Amino acid sequence: MDRNILNKLRVRMLDRGPVRNLPEKTLQESFILNTWGTNAIEGNTLTLDEVTKVIESGMTVPNRPVRDLQETVQHLSTLAEVVSGKIRGINMESALGLHDMIFHGILTDAGQWRRVNVRISGSRYSSPRVEKLISLLQEWEKHYMSLEMNREDVFSQAAAMHFGFESIHPFSD
């Protein structure tokens, strides 16, 4: 991506102040899109319109798994916690906490690192073996902390850290 565009976007975003200071409607729309996109990747069956209905009106959607509805509501509340500033920094501990917040009462291993080897269906990528999980996460966290010192290219850093975390695939879901 063109670094000039990213830098201009970064400057405009920083000029506005913290994300939590964005207009409520902008935050709501962002939360809806993020919740729908994130959950859809994980197999949630709710459509964008249904996620919007659940979030904006608090109503359930008939003929949809309770799990999908619960995951949607909990993902939204987790995003709100992050934006509020209550969750400081990304590290192994906060990753576990965020996972627990989203999947509490849905997955038996919510907020826990996977204890089994996993495969991503439809992908040729092989996730690291479970024996390597903690050391890879510690490397990831150490790398993230070293990037914190240089906040010049926050978009590239965020993308790289997200890719690194997802490459480890630390959760069983």
N, C-alpha and C. Protein backbone atom coordinates (compact mmCIF):
# COMPACT_ATOMS: atom_id res chain seq x y z
N MET A 1 0.85 -1.18 0.00
CA MET A 1 0.00 0.00 0.00
C MET A 1 0.89 1.24 0.00
N ASP A 2 0.41 2.29 -0.57
CA ASP A 2 1.14 3.56 -0.67
C ASP A 2 1.34 4.16 0.73
N ARG A 3 2.60 4.26 1.14
CA ARG A 3 2.91 4.79 2.48
C ARG A 3 2.44 6.23 2.65
N ASN A 4 2.44 6.99 1.58
CA ASN A 4 2.00 8.38 1.66
C ASN A 4 0.53 8.45 2.07
N ILE A 5 -0.28 7.59 1.50
CA ILE A 5 -1.71 7.55 1.86
C ILE A 5 -1.86 7.15 3.33
N LEU A 6 -1.12 6.13 3.75
CA LEU A 6 -1.19 5.69 5.15
C LEU A 6 -0.76 6.79 6.10
N ASN A 7 0.30 7.50 5.76
CA ASN A 7 0.77 8.58 6.63
C ASN A 7 -0.25 9.71 6.72
N LYS A 8 -0.88 10.05 5.60
CA LYS A 8 -1.92 11.09 5.62
C LYS A 8 -3.10 10.65 6.49
N LEU A 9 -3.49 9.39 6.33
CA LEU A 9 -4.59 8.85 7.13
C LEU A 9 -4.23 8.87 8.61
N ARG A 10 -3.01 8.48 8.94
CA ARG A 10 -2.55 8.47 10.33
C ARG A 10 -2.62 9.88 10.93
N VAL A 11 -2.13 10.86 10.19
CA VAL A 11 -2.14 12.25 10.67
C VAL A 11 -3.57 12.71 10.92
N ARG A 12 -4.47 12.41 9.98
CA ARG A 12 -5.88 12.82 10.15
C ARG A 12 -6.51 12.15 11.36
N MET A 13 -6.19 10.87 11.56
CA MET A 13 -6.75 10.16 12.70
C MET A 13 -6.21 10.73 14.01
N LEU A 14 -4.91 11.00 14.05
CA LEU A 14 -4.31 11.53 15.28
C LEU A 14 -4.82 12.93 15.59
N ASP A 15 -5.11 13.70 14.56
CA ASP A 15 -5.66 15.04 14.76
C ASP A 15 -7.02 15.00 15.46
N ARG A 16 -7.74 13.92 15.27
CA ARG A 16 -9.08 13.78 15.86
C ARG A 16 -9.02 13.36 17.33
N GLY A 17 -7.88 12.90 17.76
CA GLY A 17 -7.75 12.45 19.14
C GLY A 17 -8.05 10.97 19.27
N PRO A 18 -8.28 10.49 20.49
CA PRO A 18 -8.52 9.07 20.71
C PRO A 18 -9.76 8.58 19.95
N VAL A 19 -9.73 7.30 19.60
CA VAL A 19 -10.86 6.69 18.88
C VAL A 19 -12.15 6.88 19.66
N ARG A 20 -12.09 6.80 20.97
CA ARG A 20 -13.31 6.93 21.78
C ARG A 20 -13.96 8.30 21.64
N ASN A 21 -13.24 9.28 21.08
CA ASN A 21 -13.80 10.61 20.87
C ASN A 21 -14.51 10.76 19.53
N LEU A 22 -14.52 9.72 18.73
CA LEU A 22 -15.24 9.78 17.45
C LEU A 22 -16.73 9.88 17.72
N PRO A 23 -17.48 10.44 16.77
CA PRO A 23 -18.94 10.50 16.96
C PRO A 23 -19.52 9.11 17.20
N GLU A 24 -20.52 9.04 18.04
CA GLU A 24 -21.14 7.76 18.42
C GLU A 24 -21.57 6.95 17.19
N LYS A 25 -22.17 7.61 16.21
CA LYS A 25 -22.63 6.92 15.01
C LYS A 25 -21.46 6.28 14.25
N THR A 26 -20.35 6.99 14.16
CA THR A 26 -19.16 6.47 13.48
C THR A 26 -18.62 5.25 14.22
N LEU A 27 -18.54 5.35 15.54
CA LEU A 27 -18.09 4.21 16.35
C LEU A 27 -19.02 3.01 16.18
N GLN A 28 -20.31 3.27 16.23
CA GLN A 28 -21.30 2.20 16.11
C GLN A 28 -21.16 1.48 14.77
N GLU A 29 -21.05 2.24 13.69
CA GLU A 29 -20.90 1.64 12.36
C GLU A 29 -19.61 0.84 12.27
N SER A 30 -18.55 1.37 12.84
CA SER A 30 -17.26 0.67 12.85
C SER A 30 -17.36 -0.63 13.65
N PHE A 31 -17.99 -0.57 14.81
CA PHE A 31 -18.17 -1.76 15.65
C PHE A 31 -18.98 -2.83 14.92
N ILE A 32 -20.03 -2.41 14.25
CA ILE A 32 -20.88 -3.37 13.52
C ILE A 32 -20.08 -4.06 12.44
N LEU A 33 -19.37 -3.29 11.61
CA LEU A 33 -18.58 -3.89 10.53
C LEU A 33 -17.48 -4.79 11.08
N ASN A 34 -16.80 -4.35 12.12
CA ASN A 34 -15.73 -5.15 12.70
C ASN A 34 -16.28 -6.44 13.30
N THR A 35 -17.37 -6.34 14.03
CA THR A 35 -17.97 -7.52 14.64
C THR A 35 -18.43 -8.51 13.58
N TRP A 36 -19.14 -8.03 12.58
CA TRP A 36 -19.63 -8.92 11.52
C TRP A 36 -18.46 -9.57 10.79
N GLY A 37 -17.47 -8.78 10.36
CA GLY A 37 -16.35 -9.32 9.59
C GLY A 37 -15.53 -10.33 10.38
N THR A 38 -15.22 -9.99 11.61
CA THR A 38 -14.42 -10.88 12.46
C THR A 38 -15.17 -12.18 12.72
N ASN A 39 -16.43 -12.08 13.07
CA ASN A 39 -17.21 -13.28 13.36
C ASN A 39 -17.46 -14.13 12.12
N ALA A 40 -17.68 -13.49 10.98
CA ALA A 40 -17.93 -14.23 9.73
C ALA A 40 -16.72 -15.09 9.37
N ILE A 41 -15.53 -14.55 9.55
CA ILE A 41 -14.31 -15.31 9.27
C ILE A 41 -14.27 -16.58 10.12
N GLU A 42 -14.79 -16.50 11.32
CA GLU A 42 -14.77 -17.64 12.24
C GLU A 42 -15.98 -18.57 12.07
N GLY A 43 -16.84 -18.28 11.09
CA GLY A 43 -17.96 -19.17 10.81
C GLY A 43 -19.30 -18.75 11.37
N ASN A 44 -19.39 -17.56 11.96
CA ASN A 44 -20.66 -17.06 12.47
C ASN A 44 -21.62 -16.87 11.29
N THR A 45 -22.87 -17.29 11.46
CA THR A 45 -23.83 -17.30 10.35
C THR A 45 -24.63 -16.01 10.21
N LEU A 46 -24.49 -15.07 11.11
CA LEU A 46 -25.28 -13.83 11.03
C LEU A 46 -24.82 -12.97 9.85
N THR A 47 -25.79 -12.41 9.14
CA THR A 47 -25.48 -11.50 8.04
C THR A 47 -25.17 -10.12 8.62
N LEU A 48 -24.68 -9.23 7.79
CA LEU A 48 -24.40 -7.87 8.24
C LEU A 48 -25.67 -7.20 8.73
N ASP A 49 -26.78 -7.39 8.03
CA ASP A 49 -28.06 -6.81 8.47
C ASP A 49 -28.49 -7.36 9.83
N GLU A 50 -28.27 -8.66 10.04
CA GLU A 50 -28.65 -9.26 11.31
C GLU A 50 -27.76 -8.77 12.46
N VAL A 51 -26.48 -8.63 12.20
CA VAL A 51 -25.57 -8.09 13.22
C VAL A 51 -25.99 -6.67 13.57
N THR A 52 -26.33 -5.89 12.55
CA THR A 52 -26.79 -4.51 12.77
C THR A 52 -28.03 -4.51 13.66
N LYS A 53 -28.97 -5.40 13.38
CA LYS A 53 -30.20 -5.49 14.17
C LYS A 53 -29.90 -5.85 15.62
N VAL A 54 -29.04 -6.83 15.81
CA VAL A 54 -28.69 -7.27 17.17
C VAL A 54 -28.03 -6.13 17.94
N ILE A 55 -27.11 -5.44 17.30
CA ILE A 55 -26.35 -4.39 17.98
C ILE A 55 -27.18 -3.13 18.19
N GLU A 56 -27.92 -2.72 17.17
CA GLU A 56 -28.67 -1.46 17.29
C GLU A 56 -29.93 -1.57 18.12
N SER A 57 -30.61 -2.72 18.03
CA SER A 57 -31.89 -2.84 18.73
C SER A 57 -31.84 -3.79 19.92
N GLY A 58 -30.78 -4.59 19.98
CA GLY A 58 -30.68 -5.56 21.06
C GLY A 58 -31.62 -6.75 20.87
N MET A 59 -32.23 -6.83 19.70
CA MET A 59 -33.17 -7.92 19.42
C MET A 59 -32.43 -9.16 18.92
N THR A 60 -33.00 -10.31 19.18
CA THR A 60 -32.43 -11.55 18.66
C THR A 60 -32.91 -11.74 17.23
N VAL A 61 -32.30 -12.70 16.56
CA VAL A 61 -32.66 -13.01 15.18
C VAL A 61 -33.17 -14.45 15.18
N PRO A 62 -34.39 -14.67 14.68
CA PRO A 62 -34.93 -16.03 14.70
C PRO A 62 -34.14 -16.98 13.80
N ASN A 63 -34.15 -18.23 14.18
CA ASN A 63 -33.54 -19.30 13.40
C ASN A 63 -32.03 -19.16 13.23
N ARG A 64 -31.39 -18.56 14.19
CA ARG A 64 -29.93 -18.45 14.20
C ARG A 64 -29.42 -19.08 15.49
N PRO A 65 -28.26 -19.69 15.44
CA PRO A 65 -27.72 -20.31 16.66
C PRO A 65 -27.52 -19.29 17.78
N VAL A 66 -27.89 -19.68 18.98
CA VAL A 66 -27.71 -18.82 20.15
C VAL A 66 -26.23 -18.44 20.28
N ARG A 67 -25.37 -19.38 19.98
CA ARG A 67 -23.92 -19.13 20.04
C ARG A 67 -23.54 -17.93 19.17
N ASP A 68 -24.09 -17.86 17.95
CA ASP A 68 -23.75 -16.76 17.04
C ASP A 68 -24.23 -15.42 17.58
N LEU A 69 -25.40 -15.43 18.19
CA LEU A 69 -25.94 -14.20 18.79
C LEU A 69 -25.10 -13.78 19.99
N GLN A 70 -24.77 -14.74 20.85
CA GLN A 70 -23.97 -14.45 22.04
C GLN A 70 -22.58 -13.94 21.65
N GLU A 71 -21.98 -14.57 20.65
CA GLU A 71 -20.66 -14.15 20.19
C GLU A 71 -20.71 -12.71 19.66
N THR A 72 -21.78 -12.37 18.97
CA THR A 72 -21.94 -11.02 18.43
C THR A 72 -22.02 -9.99 19.54
N VAL A 73 -22.86 -10.25 20.52
CA VAL A 73 -23.03 -9.33 21.65
C VAL A 73 -21.72 -9.19 22.44
N GLN A 74 -21.06 -10.31 22.69
CA GLN A 74 -19.82 -10.28 23.48
C GLN A 74 -18.67 -9.65 22.70
N HIS A 75 -18.65 -9.82 21.39
CA HIS A 75 -17.61 -9.16 20.58
C HIS A 75 -17.80 -7.66 20.65
N LEU A 76 -19.03 -7.21 20.54
CA LEU A 76 -19.32 -5.78 20.63
C LEU A 76 -18.87 -5.21 21.98
N SER A 77 -19.22 -5.88 23.07
CA SER A 77 -18.85 -5.35 24.38
C SER A 77 -17.33 -5.37 24.57
N THR A 78 -16.65 -6.33 23.97
CA THR A 78 -15.19 -6.38 24.05
C THR A 78 -14.58 -5.21 23.29
N LEU A 79 -15.10 -4.92 22.10
CA LEU A 79 -14.63 -3.75 21.34
C LEU A 79 -14.80 -2.47 22.15
N ALA A 80 -15.94 -2.35 22.79
CA ALA A 80 -16.21 -1.16 23.60
C ALA A 80 -15.19 -1.03 24.73
N GLU A 81 -14.82 -2.14 25.35
CA GLU A 81 -13.80 -2.13 26.41
C GLU A 81 -12.45 -1.66 25.86
N VAL A 82 -12.09 -2.16 24.69
CA VAL A 82 -10.81 -1.78 24.08
C VAL A 82 -10.80 -0.29 23.78
N VAL A 83 -11.86 0.20 23.15
CA VAL A 83 -11.92 1.61 22.77
C VAL A 83 -11.98 2.52 23.99
N SER A 84 -12.57 2.05 25.07
CA SER A 84 -12.67 2.87 26.28
C SER A 84 -11.31 3.13 26.92
N GLY A 85 -10.33 2.33 26.53
CA GLY A 85 -9.00 2.49 27.11
C GLY A 85 -8.77 1.64 28.34
N LYS A 86 -9.75 0.82 28.71
CA LYS A 86 -9.61 -0.04 29.90
C LYS A 86 -8.57 -1.15 29.68
N ILE A 87 -8.40 -1.53 28.42
CA ILE A 87 -7.41 -2.55 28.09
C ILE A 87 -6.20 -1.84 27.53
N ARG A 88 -5.09 -1.95 28.23
CA ARG A 88 -3.88 -1.22 27.87
C ARG A 88 -2.86 -2.16 27.25
N GLY A 89 -2.53 -1.93 26.01
CA GLY A 89 -1.48 -2.69 25.37
C GLY A 89 -1.91 -4.08 24.95
N ILE A 90 -1.19 -4.59 23.99
CA ILE A 90 -1.45 -5.94 23.50
C ILE A 90 -0.27 -6.80 23.92
N ASN A 91 -0.58 -7.85 24.63
CA ASN A 91 0.44 -8.81 25.04
C ASN A 91 -0.26 -10.16 25.25
N MET A 92 0.49 -11.13 25.68
CA MET A 92 -0.09 -12.46 25.85
C MET A 92 -1.25 -12.44 26.85
N GLU A 93 -1.07 -11.74 27.94
CA GLU A 93 -2.11 -11.67 28.97
C GLU A 93 -3.39 -11.01 28.44
N SER A 94 -3.23 -9.89 27.75
CA SER A 94 -4.43 -9.20 27.24
C SER A 94 -5.10 -10.01 26.13
N ALA A 95 -4.31 -10.74 25.34
CA ALA A 95 -4.89 -11.58 24.29
C ALA A 95 -5.79 -12.66 24.90
N LEU A 96 -5.32 -13.26 25.99
CA LEU A 96 -6.14 -14.26 26.69
C LEU A 96 -7.41 -13.63 27.25
N GLY A 97 -7.27 -12.46 27.83
CA GLY A 97 -8.42 -11.77 28.40
C GLY A 97 -9.46 -11.41 27.35
N LEU A 98 -8.99 -10.90 26.21
CA LEU A 98 -9.92 -10.54 25.13
C LEU A 98 -10.64 -11.78 24.60
N HIS A 99 -9.89 -12.87 24.44
CA HIS A 99 -10.50 -14.11 23.95
C HIS A 99 -11.57 -14.59 24.93
N ASP A 100 -11.28 -14.50 26.21
CA ASP A 100 -12.25 -14.90 27.23
C ASP A 100 -13.49 -14.00 27.19
N MET A 101 -13.29 -12.70 27.02
CA MET A 101 -14.43 -11.78 26.97
C MET A 101 -15.37 -12.10 25.81
N ILE A 102 -14.80 -12.46 24.68
CA ILE A 102 -15.62 -12.74 23.50
C ILE A 102 -16.29 -14.11 23.60
N PHE A 103 -15.57 -15.10 24.09
CA PHE A 103 -16.08 -16.48 24.03
C PHE A 103 -16.52 -17.07 25.37
N HIS A 104 -16.56 -16.26 26.43
CA HIS A 104 -17.01 -16.75 27.74
C HIS A 104 -18.42 -17.33 27.62
N GLY A 105 -18.60 -18.55 28.09
CA GLY A 105 -19.91 -19.19 28.03
C GLY A 105 -20.23 -19.79 26.67
N ILE A 106 -19.31 -19.63 25.72
CA ILE A 106 -19.51 -20.18 24.38
C ILE A 106 -18.56 -21.35 24.15
N LEU A 107 -17.28 -21.12 24.46
CA LEU A 107 -16.26 -22.15 24.30
C LEU A 107 -15.78 -22.61 25.67
N THR A 108 -15.55 -23.89 25.82
CA THR A 108 -15.07 -24.39 27.10
C THR A 108 -13.65 -23.94 27.39
N ASP A 109 -12.89 -23.62 26.34
CA ASP A 109 -11.51 -23.19 26.54
C ASP A 109 -11.32 -21.69 26.26
N ALA A 110 -12.38 -20.91 26.48
CA ALA A 110 -12.28 -19.46 26.29
C ALA A 110 -11.19 -18.89 27.20
N GLY A 111 -10.36 -18.03 26.64
CA GLY A 111 -9.31 -17.41 27.42
C GLY A 111 -8.16 -18.33 27.76
N GLN A 112 -8.00 -19.41 26.98
CA GLN A 112 -6.90 -20.35 27.21
C GLN A 112 -6.19 -20.61 25.88
N TRP A 113 -4.87 -20.78 25.96
CA TRP A 113 -4.13 -21.17 24.76
C TRP A 113 -4.54 -22.57 24.37
N ARG A 114 -4.47 -22.85 23.10
CA ARG A 114 -4.86 -24.20 22.65
C ARG A 114 -3.90 -25.25 23.22
N ARG A 115 -4.46 -26.42 23.43
CA ARG A 115 -3.68 -27.53 23.98
C ARG A 115 -3.55 -28.66 22.97
N VAL A 116 -4.02 -28.40 21.77
CA VAL A 116 -3.99 -29.41 20.71
C VAL A 116 -3.46 -28.78 19.43
N ASN A 117 -3.01 -29.63 18.53
CA ASN A 117 -2.61 -29.14 17.22
C ASN A 117 -3.87 -28.85 16.42
N VAL A 118 -3.82 -27.82 15.59
CA VAL A 118 -4.99 -27.43 14.81
C VAL A 118 -4.62 -27.27 13.34
N ARG A 119 -5.63 -27.39 12.50
CA ARG A 119 -5.50 -27.13 11.07
C ARG A 119 -6.56 -26.12 10.69
N ILE A 120 -6.26 -25.32 9.70
CA ILE A 120 -7.22 -24.35 9.20
C ILE A 120 -7.83 -24.96 7.95
N SER A 121 -9.12 -25.30 8.04
CA SER A 121 -9.77 -25.98 6.92
C SER A 121 -9.72 -25.10 5.67
N GLY A 122 -9.42 -25.75 4.54
CA GLY A 122 -9.35 -25.04 3.27
C GLY A 122 -8.04 -24.32 3.04
N SER A 123 -7.09 -24.49 3.94
CA SER A 123 -5.80 -23.79 3.82
C SER A 123 -4.66 -24.79 3.75
N ARG A 124 -3.62 -24.44 3.02
CA ARG A 124 -2.43 -25.27 2.98
C ARG A 124 -1.50 -24.96 4.15
N TYR A 125 -1.77 -23.87 4.83
CA TYR A 125 -0.92 -23.44 5.94
C TYR A 125 -1.05 -24.41 7.11
N SER A 126 0.07 -24.77 7.69
CA SER A 126 0.07 -25.61 8.89
C SER A 126 0.42 -24.75 10.09
N SER A 127 -0.48 -24.69 11.04
CA SER A 127 -0.22 -23.94 12.27
C SER A 127 0.91 -24.60 13.04
N PRO A 128 1.65 -23.82 13.80
CA PRO A 128 2.74 -24.41 14.61
C PRO A 128 2.20 -25.47 15.57
N ARG A 129 3.03 -26.44 15.83
CA ARG A 129 2.65 -27.48 16.78
C ARG A 129 2.48 -26.88 18.16
N VAL A 130 1.62 -27.48 18.94
CA VAL A 130 1.27 -26.97 20.26
C VAL A 130 2.50 -26.83 21.17
N GLU A 131 3.50 -27.70 20.98
CA GLU A 131 4.71 -27.65 21.81
C GLU A 131 5.47 -26.34 21.62
N LYS A 132 5.31 -25.71 20.48
CA LYS A 132 6.04 -24.47 20.17
C LYS A 132 5.24 -23.22 20.50
N LEU A 133 4.01 -23.39 20.88
CA LEU A 133 3.08 -22.28 21.04
C LEU A 133 3.58 -21.18 21.99
N ILE A 134 3.92 -21.52 23.20
CA ILE A 134 4.31 -20.51 24.19
C ILE A 134 5.57 -19.78 23.77
N SER A 135 6.57 -20.50 23.28
CA SER A 135 7.81 -19.81 22.88
C SER A 135 7.56 -18.88 21.69
N LEU A 136 6.70 -19.28 20.76
CA LEU A 136 6.37 -18.41 19.63
C LEU A 136 5.60 -17.17 20.09
N LEU A 137 4.70 -17.36 21.04
CA LEU A 137 3.95 -16.22 21.57
C LEU A 137 4.87 -15.27 22.34
N GLN A 138 5.82 -15.82 23.06
CA GLN A 138 6.78 -14.98 23.78
C GLN A 138 7.63 -14.17 22.79
N GLU A 139 8.04 -14.81 21.68
CA GLU A 139 8.77 -14.09 20.63
C GLU A 139 7.90 -12.99 20.04
N TRP A 140 6.64 -13.32 19.77
CA TRP A 140 5.70 -12.35 19.21
C TRP A 140 5.56 -11.15 20.14
N GLU A 141 5.38 -11.42 21.43
CA GLU A 141 5.22 -10.35 22.41
C GLU A 141 6.48 -9.49 22.50
N LYS A 142 7.63 -10.14 22.51
CA LYS A 142 8.91 -9.41 22.58
C LYS A 142 9.06 -8.52 21.34
N HIS A 143 8.72 -9.06 20.19
CA HIS A 143 8.81 -8.28 18.94
C HIS A 143 7.85 -7.09 19.00
N TYR A 144 6.65 -7.31 19.50
CA TYR A 144 5.67 -6.22 19.62
C TYR A 144 6.21 -5.14 20.54
N MET A 145 6.76 -5.51 21.67
CA MET A 145 7.30 -4.54 22.61
C MET A 145 8.43 -3.73 21.99
N SER A 146 9.24 -4.35 21.13
CA SER A 146 10.31 -3.61 20.48
C SER A 146 9.74 -2.62 19.47
N LEU A 147 8.62 -2.94 18.86
CA LEU A 147 7.99 -2.02 17.91
C LEU A 147 7.33 -0.86 18.61
N GLU A 148 6.90 -1.06 19.84
CA GLU A 148 6.26 0.01 20.60
C GLU A 148 7.16 1.24 20.69
N MET A 149 8.46 1.03 20.64
CA MET A 149 9.40 2.13 20.76
C MET A 149 9.35 3.05 19.54
N ASN A 150 8.98 2.50 18.39
CA ASN A 150 8.94 3.27 17.16
C ASN A 150 7.51 3.32 16.65
N ARG A 151 6.80 4.38 16.94
CA ARG A 151 5.40 4.46 16.59
C ARG A 151 5.19 5.21 15.28
N GLU A 152 6.22 5.28 14.44
CA GLU A 152 6.12 6.02 13.19
C GLU A 152 5.13 5.39 12.22
N ASP A 153 5.22 4.10 12.04
CA ASP A 153 4.42 3.43 11.02
C ASP A 153 3.43 2.47 11.68
N VAL A 154 2.48 3.04 12.37
CA VAL A 154 1.56 2.26 13.21
C VAL A 154 0.72 1.28 12.39
N PHE A 155 0.33 1.63 11.17
CA PHE A 155 -0.50 0.73 10.37
C PHE A 155 0.28 -0.53 9.97
N SER A 156 1.50 -0.34 9.51
CA SER A 156 2.33 -1.49 9.13
C SER A 156 2.63 -2.35 10.35
N GLN A 157 2.90 -1.70 11.48
CA GLN A 157 3.18 -2.45 12.70
C GLN A 157 1.96 -3.27 13.13
N ALA A 158 0.80 -2.65 13.08
CA ALA A 158 -0.42 -3.36 13.47
C ALA A 158 -0.68 -4.54 12.55
N ALA A 159 -0.51 -4.34 11.25
CA ALA A 159 -0.73 -5.42 10.29
C ALA A 159 0.27 -6.56 10.52
N ALA A 160 1.52 -6.21 10.74
CA ALA A 160 2.54 -7.23 10.97
C ALA A 160 2.28 -8.00 12.26
N MET A 161 1.89 -7.31 13.30
CA MET A 161 1.62 -7.98 14.57
C MET A 161 0.38 -8.87 14.47
N HIS A 162 -0.63 -8.41 13.76
CA HIS A 162 -1.83 -9.23 13.57
C HIS A 162 -1.48 -10.48 12.77
N PHE A 163 -0.73 -10.30 11.70
CA PHE A 163 -0.32 -11.45 10.88
C PHE A 163 0.49 -12.44 11.72
N GLY A 164 1.43 -11.92 12.50
CA GLY A 164 2.25 -12.80 13.33
C GLY A 164 1.43 -13.58 14.34
N PHE A 165 0.48 -12.91 14.96
CA PHE A 165 -0.37 -13.56 15.96
C PHE A 165 -1.24 -14.63 15.30
N GLU A 166 -1.87 -14.28 14.19
CA GLU A 166 -2.73 -15.24 13.50
C GLU A 166 -1.94 -16.41 12.92
N SER A 167 -0.69 -16.17 12.54
CA SER A 167 0.16 -17.25 12.03
C SER A 167 0.44 -18.29 13.11
N ILE A 168 0.53 -17.84 14.34
CA ILE A 168 0.72 -18.76 15.46
C ILE A 168 -0.57 -19.54 15.72
N HIS A 169 -1.70 -18.91 15.46
CA HIS A 169 -3.03 -19.50 15.66
C HIS A 169 -3.12 -20.11 17.07
N PRO A 170 -3.06 -19.23 18.11
CA PRO A 170 -2.91 -19.74 19.47
C PRO A 170 -4.16 -20.31 20.13
N PHE A 171 -5.32 -20.14 19.51
CA PHE A 171 -6.55 -20.63 20.12
C PHE A 171 -7.09 -21.82 19.32
N SER A 172 -7.84 -22.66 19.97
CA SER A 172 -8.34 -23.87 19.30
C SER A 172 -9.54 -23.60 18.40
N ASP A 173 -10.20 -22.45 18.59
CA ASP A 173 -11.37 -22.15 17.75
C ASP A 173 -10.96 -21.67 16.38
